[in-house]
Amino acid sequence: MGYTAFMKKSEAIFGVARVPLDALAVFAALTLAYHLRALNIAIIPGLEIADAAGTLPPVAWYMIHFIIPGVGTFLVLAGLFGLYTLESTESAFIEIGRVLLATALWVALVIAWYFLVRKQLFFSRALLLYGTGFIALFVTVIRAVLTLIQRAFLHRGIGKRVVVSLGRQGLAESALLTLKHDEHYAYLGHLPDLEALKRMFHQHRTIDLVLQTDPNPASDMTLALINECRSRQVGYAFLPPVLADVPHQLMVERLGLLPMIRFQPTPLDGWGRIIKRLFDLIASAVLIIILSPVFLVISLCILFGGGWPIFYISKRVGESSRRRISILKFRSMVKDADRRKADLLALNHRRDGPLFKIHDDPRVTRVGKFLRRYSFDEFPQLFNVFIGTLSLVGPRPHLPDEVERYSLEQRRVFAVKPGMTGLAQISGRSDLSFEEEVRLDLQYIEEWSPLLDLWILWRTVFTVFSREGAD
């Protein structure tokens, strides 16, 4: 057991070392920023930030009232972002991302403190800009050096977690690849039963974790395995017997005192849902104001080109498929388009699913053809986004008669709000098969993030004006 104890000690040393090193990095960053501003040294030649060096406070005041509280605040934020966990096997990219998030929140808190509490602006914008950049840089570099040192230890076998898997079925492919290729683990292989594990123990092999692949609480073998591990002070773990193919959608929670694994259909939950709604609300309001002249021009074109009504209301299936929502669009078809749909079913070119699409639909007006070419007919959906029935980004809004023919898997697209644009829309629009469209919508639902939304919105602009897949 001596090797195991040393391994735990090495993990603790590297984990604890991050705290004083981060404090040193933030201290150095804020100190350097102060002296650069005091000497009027521009980091980027030719870039001048208009505040006088004379506005800087004395060094002693700056040290006591800004640097020390600033260091403490950053350490608290870093801890909240999980940057001081002792047993971390996450990638360096995730760690850097958390450092950047902690730094961004740190500067936001500084600005808020001075503006809302002290009722004044920060004494030097240049100093704050320099300090923020240096914090992100210094903390990242120090942690990168620490990670390289830790990896050097891991290559020598110090700090590795020795793991064996056990059970009648083998490990899931993703878990097997991680254990074989992640330098944090030393994988000894798969054992068929408890007797094989006991023989390994008798050979004085050091094992840190036994991973069971087929747990069964009613099985004597599972109970005996747990008792064996507990008596030898060896870690025991098991993989979930179901949904192992979507581990990123499994959340570990507690039901009272008992741990519980919950399936989460989408990461768009909790704060993610709140952030997305706030972004939808603000962005849609801004776009409605900016595009109001365009709304007026399009309305006049529709009015003079074919009379009333200007708008068309389409009934679609909303989030969770429990209610119908009214989608607002500029009218691009003749007034009796819905009545004539039954007469045109034979012309439907979408034979791969329940969708109804016609090339050169005879119901589309001359103005409507232009609107559809650049998706201008969908601009009024910004009002749907504003009131909360749609999102800017999400799966395509579905018609009720289409949904009636959806399979159980296809109904998973109702886990989130439908959107004006989405991953499927920027990946081919009408050129996609229905199965491919559903696959992309489900990929968006399962992998949602704010950055993914921003990327889809950015790609939407190019997709619309390139008329790729427009129908």
Protein backbone atom coordinates (compact mmCIF):
# COMPACT_ATOMS: atom_id res chain seq x y z
CA MET A 1 0.00 0.00 0.00
CA GLY A 2 3.02 2.30 0.14
CA TYR A 3 2.79 3.16 -3.57
CA THR A 4 -0.88 4.11 -3.21
CA ALA A 5 -0.14 6.43 -0.30
CA PHE A 6 2.65 8.13 -2.27
CA MET A 7 0.38 8.54 -5.25
CA LYS A 8 -2.27 10.25 -3.14
CA LYS A 9 0.38 12.48 -1.63
CA SER A 10 1.63 13.53 -5.09
CA GLU A 11 -1.89 14.43 -6.18
CA ALA A 12 -2.42 16.46 -3.02
CA ILE A 13 0.91 18.28 -3.46
CA PHE A 14 0.13 19.35 -7.04
CA GLY A 15 -3.44 20.24 -6.12
CA VAL A 16 -2.51 22.37 -3.11
CA ALA A 17 0.41 24.03 -4.95
CA ARG A 18 -2.04 25.62 -7.37
CA VAL A 19 -3.45 27.89 -4.63
CA PRO A 20 -0.26 29.81 -3.66
CA LEU A 21 0.96 29.78 -7.27
CA ASP A 22 -2.29 31.35 -8.48
CA ALA A 23 -2.04 33.93 -5.70
CA LEU A 24 1.53 34.71 -6.77
CA ALA A 25 0.46 35.00 -10.43
CA VAL A 26 -2.37 37.43 -9.64
CA PHE A 27 -0.11 39.46 -7.33
CA ALA A 28 2.57 39.71 -10.02
CA ALA A 29 0.01 40.58 -12.70
CA LEU A 30 -1.54 43.45 -10.76
CA THR A 31 1.85 44.75 -9.61
CA LEU A 32 3.25 44.74 -13.15
CA ALA A 33 0.11 46.42 -14.48
CA TYR A 34 0.47 49.21 -11.91
CA HIS A 35 4.11 49.93 -12.77
CA LEU A 36 3.50 49.84 -16.53
CA ARG A 37 0.70 52.37 -16.14
CA ALA A 38 2.75 54.55 -13.77
CA LEU A 39 5.56 54.68 -16.35
CA ASN A 40 3.10 55.24 -19.25
CA ILE A 41 4.43 52.18 -21.07
CA ALA A 42 2.05 50.93 -23.76
CA ILE A 43 1.98 47.16 -24.20
CA ILE A 44 0.76 47.54 -27.78
CA PRO A 45 2.75 50.28 -29.60
CA GLY A 46 0.50 53.06 -30.83
CA LEU A 47 -2.44 52.05 -28.61
CA GLU A 48 -3.20 54.78 -26.11
CA ILE A 49 -5.92 54.39 -23.48
CA ALA A 50 -7.06 57.82 -22.36
CA ASP A 51 -6.47 58.05 -18.63
CA ALA A 52 -3.65 59.92 -16.95
CA ALA A 53 -1.06 58.12 -14.87
CA GLY A 54 -1.64 60.80 -12.25
CA THR A 55 -4.97 59.19 -11.37
CA LEU A 56 -3.17 56.18 -9.87
CA PRO A 57 -3.32 55.83 -6.06
CA PRO A 58 -0.14 55.46 -3.95
CA VAL A 59 1.56 52.06 -4.04
CA ALA A 60 0.78 51.27 -0.38
CA TRP A 61 -2.93 52.07 -0.81
CA TYR A 62 -3.05 50.08 -4.04
CA MET A 63 -1.41 47.11 -2.35
CA ILE A 64 -3.74 47.04 0.66
CA HIS A 65 -7.03 48.08 -0.92
CA PHE A 66 -6.80 46.46 -4.35
CA ILE A 67 -4.09 43.82 -4.80
CA ILE A 68 -4.77 41.84 -1.60
CA PRO A 69 -8.58 41.85 -2.02
CA GLY A 70 -8.10 41.17 -5.73
CA VAL A 71 -5.96 38.11 -5.04
CA GLY A 72 -8.46 36.79 -2.50
CA THR A 73 -11.41 37.34 -4.84
CA PHE A 74 -9.70 35.51 -7.70
CA LEU A 75 -8.86 32.53 -5.47
CA VAL A 76 -12.50 32.27 -4.37
CA LEU A 77 -13.73 32.45 -7.98
CA ALA A 78 -11.17 29.88 -9.10
CA GLY A 79 -12.33 27.57 -6.33
CA LEU A 80 -15.96 27.99 -7.38
CA PHE A 81 -14.98 27.05 -10.94
CA GLY A 82 -13.39 23.82 -9.66
CA LEU A 83 -9.78 24.84 -10.31
CA TYR A 84 -8.54 23.46 -6.98
CA THR A 85 -9.88 19.90 -7.07
CA LEU A 86 -7.17 17.54 -5.86
CA GLU A 87 -8.15 14.66 -8.13
CA SER A 88 -8.48 16.21 -11.57
CA THR A 89 -8.28 14.18 -14.78
CA GLU A 90 -9.73 16.86 -17.05
CA SER A 91 -7.92 18.15 -20.13
CA ALA A 92 -5.71 21.23 -20.13
CA PHE A 93 -8.16 22.99 -22.48
CA ILE A 94 -10.96 22.71 -19.92
CA GLU A 95 -8.65 24.07 -17.22
CA ILE A 96 -7.62 27.04 -19.40
CA GLY A 97 -11.27 27.73 -20.18
CA ARG A 98 -12.09 27.85 -16.48
CA VAL A 99 -9.16 30.19 -15.84
CA LEU A 100 -10.46 32.56 -18.52
CA LEU A 101 -13.98 32.41 -17.10
CA ALA A 102 -12.72 33.13 -13.58
CA THR A 103 -10.67 36.06 -14.89
CA ALA A 104 -13.65 37.48 -16.82
CA LEU A 105 -15.88 37.23 -13.77
CA TRP A 106 -13.15 38.80 -11.62
CA VAL A 107 -12.92 41.93 -13.78
CA ALA A 108 -16.72 42.14 -13.95
CA LEU A 109 -16.90 42.08 -10.15
CA VAL A 110 -14.21 44.78 -9.88
CA ILE A 111 -16.12 47.07 -12.26
CA ALA A 112 -19.42 46.37 -10.47
CA TRP A 113 -17.87 47.04 -7.04
CA TYR A 114 -16.50 50.43 -8.03
CA PHE A 115 -19.59 51.48 -9.98
CA LEU A 116 -22.37 50.18 -7.72
CA VAL A 117 -20.76 50.28 -4.25
CA ARG A 118 -18.15 53.02 -4.40
CA LYS A 119 -20.22 55.09 -6.88
CA GLN A 120 -17.22 55.85 -9.09
CA LEU A 121 -15.35 54.53 -12.09
CA PHE A 122 -12.19 52.49 -11.63
CA PHE A 123 -9.19 54.79 -11.27
CA SER A 124 -7.43 53.53 -14.42
CA ARG A 125 -8.93 51.71 -17.36
CA ALA A 126 -5.48 50.91 -18.72
CA LEU A 127 -4.38 49.37 -15.42
CA LEU A 128 -7.53 47.24 -15.28
CA LEU A 129 -7.06 46.13 -18.88
CA TYR A 130 -3.40 45.27 -18.32
CA GLY A 131 -4.10 43.54 -15.02
CA THR A 132 -6.87 41.38 -16.48
CA GLY A 133 -4.72 40.29 -19.40
CA PHE A 134 -1.73 39.56 -17.17
CA ILE A 135 -3.83 37.53 -14.73
CA ALA A 136 -5.14 35.30 -17.52
CA LEU A 137 -1.63 34.97 -18.98
CA PHE A 138 0.32 34.40 -15.76
CA VAL A 139 -2.14 31.95 -14.21
CA THR A 140 -2.34 29.97 -17.46
CA VAL A 141 1.44 29.83 -17.87
CA ILE A 142 2.08 28.81 -14.25
CA ARG A 143 -0.57 26.10 -14.44
CA ALA A 144 0.86 24.89 -17.76
CA VAL A 145 4.31 24.55 -16.18
CA LEU A 146 2.82 22.74 -13.18
CA THR A 147 0.93 20.40 -15.53
CA LEU A 148 4.12 19.60 -17.45
CA ILE A 149 5.90 18.77 -14.19
CA GLN A 150 3.00 16.57 -13.08
CA ARG A 151 3.01 14.78 -16.44
CA ALA A 152 6.71 14.11 -16.06
CA PHE A 153 5.90 12.39 -12.76
CA LEU A 154 3.06 10.46 -14.41
CA HIS A 155 5.41 9.22 -17.14
CA ARG A 156 7.58 7.80 -14.36
CA GLY A 157 4.55 6.06 -12.86
CA ILE A 158 4.16 8.48 -9.95
CA GLY A 159 0.58 9.61 -9.50
CA LYS A 160 -1.05 7.08 -11.80
CA ARG A 161 -4.25 5.41 -10.64
CA VAL A 162 -4.02 1.65 -11.08
CA VAL A 163 -7.35 0.33 -12.38
CA VAL A 164 -8.80 -3.07 -13.22
CA SER A 165 -12.25 -3.73 -14.66
CA LEU A 166 -14.31 -6.74 -13.66
CA GLY A 167 -17.49 -8.37 -14.88
CA ARG A 168 -19.07 -10.75 -17.37
CA GLN A 169 -19.28 -8.02 -19.99
CA GLY A 170 -16.41 -5.91 -21.23
CA LEU A 171 -15.87 -2.21 -20.78
CA ALA A 172 -17.66 0.30 -22.99
CA GLU A 173 -15.38 1.35 -25.84
CA SER A 174 -15.09 4.97 -24.69
CA ALA A 175 -14.13 3.92 -21.15
CA LEU A 176 -11.58 1.42 -22.45
CA LEU A 177 -9.91 4.02 -24.67
CA THR A 178 -9.70 6.47 -21.76
CA LEU A 179 -8.11 3.94 -19.40
CA LYS A 180 -5.59 2.84 -22.02
CA HIS A 181 -4.54 6.23 -23.33
CA ASP A 182 -5.09 8.72 -20.50
CA GLU A 183 -1.77 9.17 -18.70
CA HIS A 184 -3.54 9.49 -15.34
CA TYR A 185 -4.43 5.78 -15.40
CA ALA A 186 -2.51 2.50 -15.44
CA TYR A 187 -4.99 -0.08 -16.72
CA LEU A 188 -4.14 -3.67 -15.74
CA GLY A 189 -6.87 -5.28 -17.84
CA HIS A 190 -10.27 -6.92 -17.49
CA LEU A 191 -11.01 -9.72 -15.02
CA PRO A 192 -13.90 -12.17 -15.40
CA ASP A 193 -14.82 -12.63 -11.73
CA LEU A 194 -13.97 -12.04 -8.08
CA GLU A 195 -11.65 -15.06 -7.85
CA ALA A 196 -9.38 -13.56 -10.53
CA LEU A 197 -9.25 -10.32 -8.53
CA LYS A 198 -8.32 -12.20 -5.34
CA ARG A 199 -5.47 -13.94 -7.19
CA MET A 200 -4.21 -10.53 -8.28
CA PHE A 201 -4.33 -9.30 -4.68
CA HIS A 202 -2.38 -12.38 -3.52
CA GLN A 203 0.29 -11.51 -6.11
CA HIS A 204 0.77 -8.28 -4.13
CA ARG A 205 -0.39 -6.17 -7.07
CA THR A 206 -1.27 -2.62 -6.08
CA ILE A 207 -4.75 -1.66 -7.22
CA ASP A 208 -6.40 1.71 -6.60
CA LEU A 209 -9.76 1.15 -8.26
CA VAL A 210 -11.93 -1.82 -9.25
CA LEU A 211 -14.43 -0.91 -11.94
CA GLN A 212 -17.40 -3.29 -12.23
CA THR A 213 -19.08 -3.45 -15.65
CA ASP A 214 -22.25 -5.37 -14.71
CA PRO A 215 -23.39 -4.26 -11.23
CA ASN A 216 -26.41 -6.04 -9.78
CA PRO A 217 -27.47 -5.15 -6.22
CA ALA A 218 -29.35 -8.47 -5.94
CA SER A 219 -26.26 -10.48 -6.86
CA ASP A 220 -24.12 -12.13 -4.19
CA MET A 221 -21.12 -11.59 -6.47
CA THR A 222 -21.58 -7.79 -6.49
CA LEU A 223 -21.97 -7.66 -2.70
CA ALA A 224 -18.92 -9.87 -2.20
CA LEU A 225 -16.87 -7.69 -4.56
CA ILE A 226 -17.82 -4.53 -2.65
CA ASN A 227 -16.89 -6.16 0.68
CA GLU A 228 -13.56 -7.35 -0.74
CA CYS A 229 -12.68 -3.85 -1.92
CA ARG A 230 -13.74 -2.25 1.34
CA SER A 231 -11.74 -4.69 3.44
CA ARG A 232 -8.61 -4.01 1.37
CA GLN A 233 -9.14 -0.21 1.25
CA VAL A 234 -9.43 -0.32 -2.54
CA GLY A 235 -11.76 1.99 -4.42
CA TYR A 236 -14.89 0.46 -5.98
CA ALA A 237 -16.87 1.97 -8.84
CA PHE A 238 -19.33 0.82 -11.47
CA LEU A 239 -20.47 2.02 -14.85
CA PRO A 240 -24.19 2.74 -15.30
CA PRO A 241 -25.89 -0.38 -16.66
CA VAL A 242 -28.01 1.76 -19.02
CA LEU A 243 -27.36 4.87 -21.14
CA ALA A 244 -23.61 4.25 -21.12
CA ASP A 245 -23.50 5.53 -24.73
CA VAL A 246 -24.42 9.07 -23.61
CA PRO A 247 -22.31 9.66 -20.47
CA HIS A 248 -22.38 13.45 -20.97
CA GLN A 249 -26.14 13.34 -20.36
CA LEU A 250 -25.95 11.55 -17.00
CA MET A 251 -25.96 13.73 -13.89
CA VAL A 252 -24.97 12.53 -10.41
CA GLU A 253 -27.30 13.96 -7.78
CA ARG A 254 -28.50 13.06 -4.30
CA LEU A 255 -31.96 11.92 -3.30
CA GLY A 256 -31.79 12.61 0.41
CA LEU A 257 -28.59 10.87 1.48
CA LEU A 258 -28.48 8.45 -1.47
CA PRO A 259 -26.59 9.17 -4.69
CA MET A 260 -28.74 9.09 -7.83
CA ILE A 261 -27.83 9.04 -11.53
CA ARG A 262 -30.29 11.14 -13.54
CA PHE A 263 -30.60 11.22 -17.31
CA GLN A 264 -30.59 14.79 -18.59
CA PRO A 265 -31.86 15.05 -22.20
CA THR A 266 -29.98 18.29 -22.79
CA PRO A 267 -27.42 20.49 -20.99
CA LEU A 268 -29.84 23.34 -21.70
CA ASP A 269 -31.12 23.32 -18.14
CA GLY A 270 -30.76 25.43 -15.01
CA TRP A 271 -28.57 28.49 -15.62
CA GLY A 272 -28.10 27.43 -19.24
CA ARG A 273 -31.83 27.87 -19.86
CA ILE A 274 -31.83 31.25 -18.07
CA ILE A 275 -28.81 32.51 -20.03
CA LYS A 276 -30.33 31.40 -23.33
CA ARG A 277 -33.65 33.10 -22.54
CA LEU A 278 -31.95 36.37 -21.55
CA PHE A 279 -29.90 36.32 -24.74
CA ASP A 280 -33.04 35.62 -26.82
CA LEU A 281 -34.92 38.45 -25.12
CA ILE A 282 -32.18 41.06 -25.55
CA ALA A 283 -31.09 40.01 -29.06
CA SER A 284 -34.65 39.82 -30.43
CA ALA A 285 -35.53 43.26 -29.00
CA VAL A 286 -32.42 44.81 -30.56
CA LEU A 287 -33.03 43.13 -33.93
CA ILE A 288 -36.70 44.17 -33.99
CA ILE A 289 -35.67 47.81 -33.49
CA ILE A 290 -32.85 47.65 -36.07
CA LEU A 291 -34.94 45.84 -38.68
CA SER A 292 -38.13 47.90 -38.21
CA PRO A 293 -37.52 49.85 -41.49
CA VAL A 294 -37.07 46.52 -43.30
CA PHE A 295 -40.34 45.29 -41.76
CA LEU A 296 -42.12 48.35 -43.13
CA VAL A 297 -40.70 47.95 -46.65
CA ILE A 298 -41.55 44.23 -46.81
CA SER A 299 -45.06 44.91 -45.51
CA LEU A 300 -45.66 47.50 -48.23
CA CYS A 301 -44.34 45.14 -50.92
CA ILE A 302 -46.70 42.37 -49.79
CA LEU A 303 -49.62 44.79 -49.54
CA PHE A 304 -49.13 46.23 -53.04
CA GLY A 305 -48.21 42.86 -54.52
CA GLY A 306 -51.15 40.81 -53.28
CA GLY A 307 -53.19 42.71 -50.73
CA TRP A 308 -54.06 41.68 -47.21
CA PRO A 309 -53.10 39.90 -45.02
CA ILE A 310 -49.46 40.88 -44.63
CA PHE A 311 -48.68 38.20 -42.07
CA TYR A 312 -49.32 34.48 -42.03
CA ILE A 313 -49.84 32.58 -38.77
CA SER A 314 -48.70 28.96 -38.79
CA LYS A 315 -49.64 26.55 -36.03
CA ARG A 316 -46.61 24.54 -34.87
CA VAL A 317 -45.74 22.13 -32.05
CA GLY A 318 -43.91 23.78 -29.18
CA GLU A 319 -41.42 22.61 -26.56
CA SER A 320 -42.24 19.25 -24.93
CA SER A 321 -44.87 18.73 -27.72
CA ARG A 322 -47.61 19.51 -25.17
CA ARG A 323 -49.00 22.67 -26.77
CA ARG A 324 -49.45 24.40 -30.10
CA ILE A 325 -47.74 27.70 -30.75
CA SER A 326 -48.53 30.36 -33.34
CA ILE A 327 -45.56 31.20 -35.56
CA LEU A 328 -45.67 34.61 -37.25
CA LYS A 329 -44.29 34.95 -40.80
CA PHE A 330 -44.57 37.38 -43.68
CA ARG A 331 -47.12 35.95 -46.12
CA SER A 332 -45.22 34.49 -49.08
CA MET A 333 -48.04 32.41 -50.60
CA VAL A 334 -51.47 33.02 -52.03
CA LYS A 335 -54.28 33.52 -49.53
CA ASP A 336 -55.78 30.01 -49.90
CA ALA A 337 -52.45 28.15 -49.77
CA ASP A 338 -53.47 25.83 -46.92
CA ARG A 339 -56.66 24.78 -48.75
CA ARG A 340 -54.72 23.96 -51.93
CA LYS A 341 -52.13 21.85 -50.07
CA ALA A 342 -54.23 18.66 -50.37
CA ASP A 343 -54.34 19.05 -54.16
CA LEU A 344 -50.53 19.22 -54.33
CA LEU A 345 -49.56 16.25 -52.16
CA ALA A 346 -48.54 14.25 -55.23
CA LEU A 347 -45.88 16.88 -56.02
CA ASN A 348 -44.15 16.50 -52.63
CA HIS A 349 -40.44 15.84 -53.28
CA ARG A 350 -39.69 14.89 -49.67
CA ARG A 351 -40.30 11.13 -49.81
CA ASP A 352 -37.88 10.34 -46.99
CA GLY A 353 -40.15 11.42 -44.14
CA PRO A 354 -43.28 13.28 -43.07
CA LEU A 355 -42.18 16.71 -44.34
CA PHE A 356 -44.04 18.45 -47.18
CA LYS A 357 -41.90 20.37 -49.69
CA ILE A 358 -42.48 21.26 -53.36
CA HIS A 359 -39.91 22.59 -55.82
CA ASP A 360 -41.22 25.80 -57.43
CA ASP A 361 -44.37 25.68 -55.32
CA PRO A 362 -47.14 27.29 -57.46
CA ARG A 363 -48.71 28.82 -54.35
CA VAL A 364 -45.70 31.11 -53.73
CA THR A 365 -46.23 34.71 -54.87
CA ARG A 366 -43.70 36.76 -56.81
CA VAL A 367 -42.82 38.79 -53.71
CA GLY A 368 -42.80 35.56 -51.70
CA LYS A 369 -40.14 34.01 -53.92
CA PHE A 370 -37.77 36.87 -53.10
CA LEU A 371 -38.59 36.72 -49.40
CA ARG A 372 -38.03 32.97 -49.24
CA ARG A 373 -34.78 33.17 -51.20
CA TYR A 374 -33.18 35.14 -48.36
CA SER A 375 -35.46 33.89 -45.53
CA PHE A 376 -36.87 37.41 -45.07
CA ASP A 377 -40.32 35.85 -44.61
CA GLU A 378 -39.13 34.55 -41.22
CA PHE A 379 -38.17 37.96 -39.75
CA PRO A 380 -41.49 38.34 -37.85
CA GLN A 381 -40.54 35.26 -35.84
CA LEU A 382 -38.38 37.66 -33.83
CA PHE A 383 -41.62 38.60 -32.05
CA ASN A 384 -42.11 34.91 -31.19
CA VAL A 385 -38.58 34.88 -29.76
CA PHE A 386 -39.29 38.03 -27.76
CA ILE A 387 -42.44 36.59 -26.12
CA GLY A 388 -40.74 33.22 -25.51
CA THR A 389 -42.51 30.76 -27.81
CA LEU A 390 -39.43 30.42 -30.03
CA SER A 391 -35.68 30.69 -29.53
CA LEU A 392 -33.19 32.25 -31.92
CA VAL A 393 -31.48 28.85 -32.20
CA GLY A 394 -33.16 25.47 -31.93
CA PRO A 395 -34.72 22.64 -33.94
CA ARG A 396 -37.05 23.53 -36.81
CA PRO A 397 -40.64 24.31 -35.70
CA HIS A 398 -42.74 21.25 -36.60
CA LEU A 399 -46.25 21.11 -38.09
CA PRO A 400 -48.84 19.11 -36.10
CA ASP A 401 -49.74 16.83 -39.03
CA GLU A 402 -46.05 16.01 -39.49
CA VAL A 403 -45.55 15.25 -35.79
CA GLU A 404 -48.37 12.70 -35.82
CA ARG A 405 -46.14 10.51 -38.02
CA TYR A 406 -42.91 10.94 -36.03
CA SER A 407 -41.24 7.95 -34.39
CA LEU A 408 -40.30 7.90 -30.69
CA GLU A 409 -36.70 8.83 -31.50
CA GLN A 410 -37.79 11.70 -33.73
CA ARG A 411 -39.97 13.09 -30.92
CA ARG A 412 -36.82 13.72 -28.88
CA VAL A 413 -36.43 17.01 -30.80
CA PHE A 414 -39.10 18.53 -28.53
CA ALA A 415 -36.72 18.57 -25.54
CA VAL A 416 -36.00 22.28 -26.23
CA LYS A 417 -37.80 25.22 -27.79
CA PRO A 418 -37.88 25.30 -31.60
CA GLY A 419 -35.77 28.03 -33.16
CA MET A 420 -35.56 30.45 -36.07
CA THR A 421 -32.32 28.82 -37.13
CA GLY A 422 -30.42 25.73 -36.06
CA LEU A 423 -27.68 23.25 -36.76
CA ALA A 424 -29.76 21.51 -39.45
CA GLN A 425 -30.65 24.80 -41.16
CA ILE A 426 -27.00 25.82 -41.60
CA SER A 427 -25.99 22.33 -42.74
CA GLY A 428 -28.01 22.15 -45.92
CA ARG A 429 -31.52 23.44 -45.22
CA SER A 430 -33.90 21.73 -47.71
CA ASP A 431 -31.08 19.63 -49.22
CA LEU A 432 -30.94 17.45 -46.09
CA SER A 433 -32.84 14.20 -45.75
CA PHE A 434 -35.35 14.12 -42.90
CA GLU A 435 -33.26 11.56 -40.99
CA GLU A 436 -30.17 13.76 -41.31
CA GLU A 437 -32.13 16.80 -40.16
CA VAL A 438 -33.34 14.94 -37.06
CA ARG A 439 -29.81 13.69 -36.35
CA LEU A 440 -28.43 17.24 -36.43
CA ASP A 441 -31.25 18.57 -34.27
CA LEU A 442 -30.60 15.85 -31.68
CA GLN A 443 -26.86 16.59 -31.81
CA TYR A 444 -27.63 20.25 -31.04
CA ILE A 445 -29.94 19.27 -28.17
CA GLU A 446 -27.37 16.94 -26.59
CA GLU A 447 -24.33 19.19 -27.09
CA TRP A 448 -25.84 22.64 -26.52
CA SER A 449 -23.62 25.45 -25.26
CA PRO A 450 -23.74 29.28 -25.55
CA LEU A 451 -20.74 29.16 -27.90
CA LEU A 452 -22.55 26.67 -30.16
CA ASP A 453 -25.51 29.08 -30.36
CA LEU A 454 -23.22 31.97 -31.31
CA TRP A 455 -21.47 29.87 -33.95
CA ILE A 456 -24.80 28.80 -35.49
CA LEU A 457 -26.01 32.42 -35.61
CA TRP A 458 -22.74 33.46 -37.28
CA ARG A 459 -23.01 30.65 -39.85
CA THR A 460 -26.68 31.46 -40.49
CA VAL A 461 -25.77 34.84 -42.02
CA PHE A 462 -23.51 33.20 -44.61
CA THR A 463 -25.92 30.33 -45.27
CA VAL A 464 -28.84 32.68 -45.95
CA PHE A 465 -26.98 35.00 -48.31
CA SER A 466 -25.33 32.12 -50.14
CA ARG A 467 -28.87 30.71 -50.64
CA GLU A 468 -27.49 27.27 -49.82
CA GLY A 469 -30.32 24.75 -49.70
CA ALA A 470 -33.00 27.43 -50.07
CA ASP A 471 -36.35 26.06 -51.21
